[in-house]
PDB file of N, CA and C in Angstrom:
ATOM      1  N   MET A   1     -17.929  35.429   0.876  1.00  0.00           N
ATOM      2  CA  MET A   1     -19.443  35.349   0.143  1.00  0.00           C
ATOM      3  C   MET A   1     -18.680  34.298  -0.593  1.00  0.00           C
ATOM      4  N   ASP A   2     -17.814  34.151  -1.785  1.00  0.00           N
ATOM      5  CA  ASP A   2     -17.381  33.168  -2.720  1.00  0.00           C
ATOM      6  C   ASP A   2     -16.708  32.173  -2.126  1.00  0.00           C
ATOM      7  N   GLU A   3     -15.973  31.846  -0.670  1.00  0.00           N
ATOM      8  CA  GLU A   3     -15.786  30.453  -0.167  1.00  0.00           C
ATOM      9  C   GLU A   3     -17.168  30.237   0.675  1.00  0.00           C
ATOM     10  N   THR A   4     -18.634  30.808   1.469  1.00  0.00           N
ATOM     11  CA  THR A   4     -19.540  30.711   2.073  1.00  0.00           C
ATOM     12  C   THR A   4     -20.078  29.531   0.712  1.00  0.00           C
ATOM     13  N   LEU A   5     -20.346  30.179  -0.202  1.00  0.00           N
ATOM     14  CA  LEU A   5     -21.131  29.115  -1.318  1.00  0.00           C
ATOM     15  C   LEU A   5     -20.231  28.524  -2.312  1.00  0.00           C
ATOM     16  N   ALA A   6     -18.962  28.656  -1.838  1.00  0.00           N
ATOM     17  CA  ALA A   6     -18.607  27.273  -2.884  1.00  0.00           C
ATOM     18  C   ALA A   6     -18.240  25.731  -1.804  1.00  0.00           C
ATOM     19  N   LEU A   7     -18.481  26.446  -0.631  1.00  0.00           N
ATOM     20  CA  LEU A   7     -18.209  24.926   0.781  1.00  0.00           C
ATOM     21  C   LEU A   7     -20.450  24.896   0.344  1.00  0.00           C
ATOM     22  N   ALA A   8     -20.707  25.952   0.083  1.00  0.00           N
ATOM     23  CA  ALA A   8     -22.175  25.177   0.497  1.00  0.00           C
ATOM     24  C   ALA A   8     -22.551  24.297  -0.936  1.00  0.00           C
ATOM     25  N   GLU A   9     -21.924  24.579  -1.618  1.00  0.00           N
ATOM     26  CA  GLU A   9     -22.245  24.253  -3.284  1.00  0.00           C
ATOM     27  C   GLU A   9     -21.745  22.553  -3.153  1.00  0.00           C
ATOM     28  N   ARG A  10     -20.390  22.070  -2.782  1.00  0.00           N
ATOM     29  CA  ARG A  10     -19.810  20.945  -2.148  1.00  0.00           C
ATOM     30  C   ARG A  10     -20.664  20.576  -1.032  1.00  0.00           C
ATOM     31  N   ILE A  11     -21.094  21.161  -0.225  1.00  0.00           N
ATOM     32  CA  ILE A  11     -21.468  19.742   1.079  1.00  0.00           C
ATOM     33  C   ILE A  11     -23.132  19.371   0.235  1.00  0.00           C
ATOM     34  N   ALA A  12     -23.672  20.755  -0.468  1.00  0.00           N
ATOM     35  CA  ALA A  12     -24.887  19.887  -1.125  1.00  0.00           C
ATOM     36  C   ALA A  12     -24.253  18.600  -2.298  1.00  0.00           C
ATOM     37  N   GLY A  13     -23.287  18.627  -2.399  1.00  0.00           N
ATOM     38  CA  GLY A  13     -23.194  17.638  -3.576  1.00  0.00           C
ATOM     39  C   GLY A  13     -22.973  15.999  -2.922  1.00  0.00           C
ATOM     40  N   PHE A  14     -22.745  16.075  -1.108  1.00  0.00           N
ATOM     41  CA  PHE A  14     -22.636  14.729  -0.728  1.00  0.00           C
ATOM     42  C   PHE A  14     -23.979  14.236  -0.461  1.00  0.00           C
ATOM     43  N   SER A  15     -23.934  12.675   0.095  1.00  0.00           N
ATOM     44  CA  SER A  15     -25.428  11.950   0.034  1.00  0.00           C
ATOM     45  C   SER A  15     -26.330  12.747   0.880  1.00  0.00           C
ATOM     46  N   LEU A  16     -27.406  12.845   0.513  1.00  0.00           N
ATOM     47  CA  LEU A  16     -28.038  13.594   1.531  1.00  0.00           C
ATOM     48  C   LEU A  16     -28.622  12.554   3.097  1.00  0.00           C
ATOM     49  N   PRO A  17     -29.024  11.553   2.953  1.00  0.00           N
ATOM     50  CA  PRO A  17     -29.301  10.677   4.035  1.00  0.00           C
ATOM     51  C   PRO A  17     -28.149  10.715   4.910  1.00  0.00           C
ATOM     52  N   ALA A  18     -26.922  10.740   4.160  1.00  0.00           N
ATOM     53  CA  ALA A  18     -25.846  10.810   5.267  1.00  0.00           C
ATOM     54  C   ALA A  18     -25.539  12.154   5.876  1.00  0.00           C
ATOM     55  N   LEU A  19     -26.141  12.968   5.071  1.00  0.00           N
ATOM     56  CA  LEU A  19     -26.042  14.331   5.866  1.00  0.00           C
ATOM     57  C   LEU A  19     -27.042  14.530   6.574  1.00  0.00           C
ATOM     58  N   ILE A  20     -28.007  14.017   6.449  1.00  0.00           N
ATOM     59  CA  ILE A  20     -29.223  14.179   7.797  1.00  0.00           C
ATOM     60  C   ILE A  20     -28.412  13.403   8.878  1.00  0.00           C
ATOM     61  N   ALA A  21     -27.832  12.087   8.377  1.00  0.00           N
ATOM     62  CA  ALA A  21     -27.754  11.543   9.587  1.00  0.00           C
ATOM     63  C   ALA A  21     -26.532  12.160  10.126  1.00  0.00           C
ATOM     64  N   ILE A  22     -25.829  12.965  10.010  1.00  0.00           N
ATOM     65  CA  ILE A  22     -24.845  13.882  10.430  1.00  0.00           C
ATOM     66  C   ILE A  22     -25.113  14.855  11.172  1.00  0.00           C
ATOM     67  N   LYS A  23     -26.224  15.540  10.641  1.00  0.00           N
ATOM     68  CA  LYS A  23     -26.987  16.685  11.680  1.00  0.00           C
ATOM     69  C   LYS A  23     -27.652  15.744  12.647  1.00  0.00           C
ATOM     70  N   GLU A  24     -28.027  14.969  12.729  1.00  0.00           N
ATOM     71  CA  GLU A  24     -28.931  14.387  13.723  1.00  0.00           C
ATOM     72  C   GLU A  24     -27.753  14.240  14.708  1.00  0.00           C
ATOM     73  N   SER A  25     -26.977  13.489  14.239  1.00  0.00           N
ATOM     74  CA  SER A  25     -25.647  12.987  15.315  1.00  0.00           C
ATOM     75  C   SER A  25     -25.465  14.753  16.127  1.00  0.00           C
ATOM     76  N   VAL A  26     -24.913  15.001  15.386  1.00  0.00           N
ATOM     77  CA  VAL A  26     -24.526  16.786  15.800  1.00  0.00           C
ATOM     78  C   VAL A  26     -25.071  17.002  17.198  1.00  0.00           C
ATOM     79  N   ASN A  27     -26.659  17.077  16.595  1.00  0.00           N
ATOM     80  CA  ASN A  27     -27.374  17.502  17.653  1.00  0.00           C
ATOM     81  C   ASN A  27     -28.050  16.150  18.764  1.00  0.00           C
ATOM     82  N   ARG A  28     -27.948  15.257  18.708  1.00  0.00           N
ATOM     83  CA  ARG A  28     -28.014  14.320  19.383  1.00  0.00           C
ATOM     84  C   ARG A  28     -27.198  14.668  20.580  1.00  0.00           C
ATOM     85  N   ALA A  29     -25.449  14.754  20.042  1.00  0.00           N
ATOM     86  CA  ALA A  29     -24.840  15.163  21.158  1.00  0.00           C
ATOM     87  C   ALA A  29     -24.811  15.827  21.996  1.00  0.00           C
ATOM     88  N   HIS A  30     -25.743  16.950  21.423  1.00  0.00           N
ATOM     89  CA  HIS A  30     -25.641  17.961  22.714  1.00  0.00           C
ATOM     90  C   HIS A  30     -26.812  18.033  23.771  1.00  0.00           C
ATOM     91  N   GLU A  31     -27.563  17.032  23.236  1.00  0.00           N
ATOM     92  CA  GLU A  31     -28.913  16.703  23.724  1.00  0.00           C
ATOM     93  C   GLU A  31     -28.715  15.672  24.697  1.00  0.00           C
ATOM     94  N   THR A  32     -27.844  14.829  24.820  1.00  0.00           N
ATOM     95  CA  THR A  32     -27.745  13.305  25.519  1.00  0.00           C
ATOM     96  C   THR A  32     -26.283  13.372  26.752  1.00  0.00           C
ATOM     97  N   PRO A  33     -26.230  12.294  27.449  1.00  0.00           N
ATOM     98  CA  PRO A  33     -24.896  11.969  27.592  1.00  0.00           C
ATOM     99  C   PRO A  33     -24.144  11.748  26.948  1.00  0.00           C
ATOM    100  N   LEU A  34     -22.849  11.422  26.966  1.00  0.00           N
ATOM    101  CA  LEU A  34     -21.713  11.394  25.915  1.00  0.00           C
ATOM    102  C   LEU A  34     -22.280   9.536  25.579  1.00  0.00           C
ATOM    103  N   ALA A  35     -22.007   8.558  26.295  1.00  0.00           N
ATOM    104  CA  ALA A  35     -22.331   7.423  25.905  1.00  0.00           C
ATOM    105  C   ALA A  35     -23.666   6.889  25.141  1.00  0.00           C
ATOM    106  N   GLU A  36     -24.189   8.011  25.051  1.00  0.00           N
ATOM    107  CA  GLU A  36     -25.559   7.216  24.547  1.00  0.00           C
ATOM    108  C   GLU A  36     -25.330   8.271  23.350  1.00  0.00           C
ATOM    109  N   GLY A  37     -24.793   9.214  23.087  1.00  0.00           N
ATOM    110  CA  GLY A  37     -24.872  10.401  21.906  1.00  0.00           C
ATOM    111  C   GLY A  37     -23.845   8.831  21.013  1.00  0.00           C
ATOM    112  N   VAL A  38     -22.379   8.740  21.508  1.00  0.00           N
ATOM    113  CA  VAL A  38     -21.928   7.501  20.428  1.00  0.00           C
ATOM    114  C   VAL A  38     -22.666   6.133  20.160  1.00  0.00           C
ATOM    115  N   ARG A  39     -23.635   5.658  20.843  1.00  0.00           N
ATOM    116  CA  ARG A  39     -24.332   4.973  20.424  1.00  0.00           C
ATOM    117  C   ARG A  39     -25.149   5.443  19.254  1.00  0.00           C
ATOM    118  N   PHE A  40     -25.512   6.234  19.385  1.00  0.00           N
ATOM    119  CA  PHE A  40     -26.112   6.805  18.540  1.00  0.00           C
ATOM    120  C   PHE A  40     -25.332   7.070  17.011  1.00  0.00           C
ATOM    121  N   GLU A  41     -25.036   7.596  17.187  1.00  0.00           N
ATOM    122  CA  GLU A  41     -23.384   7.601  16.378  1.00  0.00           C
ATOM    123  C   GLU A  41     -23.454   6.433  15.318  1.00  0.00           C
ATOM    124  N   ARG A  42     -22.767   5.479  16.394  1.00  0.00           N
ATOM    125  CA  ARG A  42     -22.712   3.831  15.714  1.00  0.00           C
ATOM    126  C   ARG A  42     -24.097   3.262  14.871  1.00  0.00           C
ATOM    127  N   ARG A  43     -24.844   3.808  15.203  1.00  0.00           N
ATOM    128  CA  ARG A  43     -26.061   3.098  14.533  1.00  0.00           C
ATOM    129  C   ARG A  43     -25.887   3.738  13.382  1.00  0.00           C
ATOM    130  N   GLN A  44     -26.266   4.914  13.202  1.00  0.00           N
ATOM    131  CA  GLN A  44     -26.207   5.792  12.033  1.00  0.00           C
ATOM    132  C   GLN A  44     -24.989   5.770  11.041  1.00  0.00           C
ATOM    133  N   MET A  45     -24.011   5.063  11.488  1.00  0.00           N
ATOM    134  CA  MET A  45     -22.905   4.954  10.513  1.00  0.00           C
ATOM    135  C   MET A  45     -23.012   3.661  10.254  1.00  0.00           C
ATOM    136  N   TYR A  46     -23.606   2.680  11.100  1.00  0.00           N
ATOM    137  CA  TYR A  46     -23.928   0.866  10.472  1.00  0.00           C
ATOM    138  C   TYR A  46     -25.080   1.338   9.343  1.00  0.00           C
ATOM    139  N   ALA A  47     -26.144   2.003   9.303  1.00  0.00           N
ATOM    140  CA  ALA A  47     -26.991   2.291   8.727  1.00  0.00           C
ATOM    141  C   ALA A  47     -26.670   2.568   7.213  1.00  0.00           C
ATOM    142  N   ARG A  48     -25.549   3.580   7.475  1.00  0.00           N
ATOM    143  CA  ARG A  48     -25.346   4.104   6.027  1.00  0.00           C
ATOM    144  C   ARG A  48     -24.363   3.342   5.609  1.00  0.00           C
ATOM    145  N   PHE A  49     -24.101   2.340   5.985  1.00  0.00           N
ATOM    146  CA  PHE A  49     -23.167   1.679   5.254  1.00  0.00           C
ATOM    147  C   PHE A  49     -23.445   0.438   4.321  1.00  0.00           C
ATOM    148  N   ALA A  50     -24.614   0.335   4.778  1.00  0.00           N
ATOM    149  CA  ALA A  50     -25.994  -0.436   4.128  1.00  0.00           C
ATOM    150  C   ALA A  50     -26.496   0.830   2.760  1.00  0.00           C
ATOM    151  N   SER A  51     -26.689   1.703   3.294  1.00  0.00           N
ATOM    152  CA  SER A  51     -27.117   2.734   1.744  1.00  0.00           C
ATOM    153  C   SER A  51     -26.335   2.247   0.560  1.00  0.00           C
ATOM    154  N   GLU A  52     -27.412   3.079  -0.728  1.00  0.00           N
ATOM    155  CA  GLU A  52     -26.096   2.614  -1.999  1.00  0.00           C
ATOM    156  C   GLU A  52     -25.481   3.620  -2.269  1.00  0.00           C
ATOM    157  N   ASP A  53     -26.049   4.934  -1.677  1.00  0.00           N
ATOM    158  CA  ASP A  53     -24.812   6.018  -1.595  1.00  0.00           C
ATOM    159  C   ASP A  53     -23.681   5.448  -1.310  1.00  0.00           C
ATOM    160  N   ALA A  54     -23.517   4.367   0.146  1.00  0.00           N
ATOM    161  CA  ALA A  54     -21.993   4.590   0.364  1.00  0.00           C
ATOM    162  C   ALA A  54     -21.451   3.416  -0.775  1.00  0.00           C
ATOM    163  N   HIS A  55     -22.331   2.407  -0.984  1.00  0.00           N
ATOM    164  CA  HIS A  55     -21.702   1.586  -2.029  1.00  0.00           C
ATOM    165  C   HIS A  55     -20.786   2.704  -3.160  1.00  0.00           C
ATOM    166  N   GLU A  56     -22.116   3.599  -3.671  1.00  0.00           N
ATOM    167  CA  GLU A  56     -21.307   4.561  -4.487  1.00  0.00           C
ATOM    168  C   GLU A  56     -20.286   5.054  -4.351  1.00  0.00           C
ATOM    169  N   GLY A  57     -20.337   5.808  -3.257  1.00  0.00           N
ATOM    170  CA  GLY A  57     -18.912   6.237  -2.660  1.00  0.00           C
ATOM    171  C   GLY A  57     -17.787   5.054  -2.672  1.00  0.00           C
ATOM    172  N   MET A  58     -17.770   4.191  -2.172  1.00  0.00           N
ATOM    173  CA  MET A  58     -16.489   3.450  -2.242  1.00  0.00           C
ATOM    174  C   MET A  58     -16.407   3.117  -3.686  1.00  0.00           C
ATOM    175  N   ARG A  59     -17.422   2.598  -4.490  1.00  0.00           N
ATOM    176  CA  ARG A  59     -17.150   2.480  -6.076  1.00  0.00           C
ATOM    177  C   ARG A  59     -16.271   3.335  -6.546  1.00  0.00           C
ATOM    178  N   ALA A  60     -16.662   4.632  -6.453  1.00  0.00           N
ATOM    179  CA  ALA A  60     -16.086   5.517  -6.587  1.00  0.00           C
ATOM    180  C   ALA A  60     -14.977   5.863  -6.583  1.00  0.00           C
ATOM    181  N   PHE A  61     -14.590   5.979  -4.608  1.00  0.00           N
ATOM    182  CA  PHE A  61     -13.021   5.942  -4.393  1.00  0.00           C
ATOM    183  C   PHE A  61     -12.021   5.159  -4.904  1.00  0.00           C
ATOM    184  N   LEU A  62     -12.300   3.654  -5.297  1.00  0.00           N
ATOM    185  CA  LEU A  62     -11.610   2.811  -5.923  1.00  0.00           C
ATOM    186  C   LEU A  62     -11.458   3.266  -7.474  1.00  0.00           C
ATOM    187  N   GLU A  63     -12.916   3.501  -8.341  1.00  0.00           N
ATOM    188  CA  GLU A  63     -11.993   4.111  -9.870  1.00  0.00           C
ATOM    189  C   GLU A  63     -11.619   5.619 -10.252  1.00  0.00           C
ATOM    190  N   ARG A  64     -11.093   6.062  -8.349  1.00  0.00           N
ATOM    191  CA  ARG A  64     -10.680   7.676  -8.260  1.00  0.00           C
ATOM    192  C   ARG A  64     -11.459   8.074  -9.496  1.00  0.00           C
ATOM    193  N   ARG A  65     -13.026   8.592  -9.327  1.00  0.00           N
ATOM    194  CA  ARG A  65     -13.914   9.203 -10.062  1.00  0.00           C
ATOM    195  C   ARG A  65     -14.679   9.683  -8.571  1.00  0.00           C
ATOM    196  N   ALA A  66     -14.916  10.945  -9.362  1.00  0.00           N
ATOM    197  CA  ALA A  66     -16.213  11.478  -8.194  1.00  0.00           C
ATOM    198  C   ALA A  66     -17.432  10.683  -8.217  1.00  0.00           C
ATOM    199  N   PRO A  67     -18.225  10.773  -7.187  1.00  0.00           N
ATOM    200  CA  PRO A  67     -19.542  10.046  -7.063  1.00  0.00           C
ATOM    201  C   PRO A  67     -20.971  10.462  -7.276  1.00  0.00           C
ATOM    202  N   ARG A  68     -21.601   9.431  -7.803  1.00  0.00           N
ATOM    203  CA  ARG A  68     -22.690  10.227  -8.354  1.00  0.00           C
ATOM    204  C   ARG A  68     -23.877   9.767  -7.458  1.00  0.00           C
ATOM    205  N   PHE A  69     -23.966  10.193  -6.242  1.00  0.00           N
ATOM    206  CA  PHE A  69     -25.225   9.914  -5.499  1.00  0.00           C
ATOM    207  C   PHE A  69     -26.655   9.870  -5.909  1.00  0.00           C
ATOM    208  N   GLY A  70     -27.597   8.997  -5.531  1.00  0.00           N
ATOM    209  CA  GLY A  70     -28.680   8.773  -6.020  1.00  0.00           C
ATOM    210  C   GLY A  70     -29.143   9.169  -4.718  1.00  0.00           C
ATOM    211  N   HIS A  71     -28.936   9.892  -3.397  1.00  0.00           N
ATOM    212  CA  HIS A  71     -29.511  10.183  -2.056  1.00  0.00           C
ATOM    213  C   HIS A  71     -30.441   8.921  -1.735  1.00  0.00           C
ATOM    214  N   ARG A  72     -29.791   7.752  -1.769  1.00  0.00           N
ATOM    215  CA  ARG A  72     -30.854   6.195  -1.246  1.00  0.00           C
ATOM    216  C   ARG A  72     -29.753   5.636  -0.575  1.00  0.00           C
TER     217      ARG A  72
END
C-alpha cells in the first residue's frame, strides 16, 4: 500500500495535460490500427512540446531542479 501511494503521489506531480495525452494515447492504441495510433501519439507529442509545462520541464532539467508545473 505504501508503494502504491508513493507512486500515485509521484504521478500526481506530473503535468496534467501530459498525463491526459498519455492516457488518450494508450486508449487509442487499443482501439485503432498501429499506424493510426502512432500518428495520434506523434500529434500529441508535438502538441505537448509547445506547452508551458514542457518548457518548464526542460528549464528544470537544465537547472537540475524539480519542475513546477502549472498544468498549462
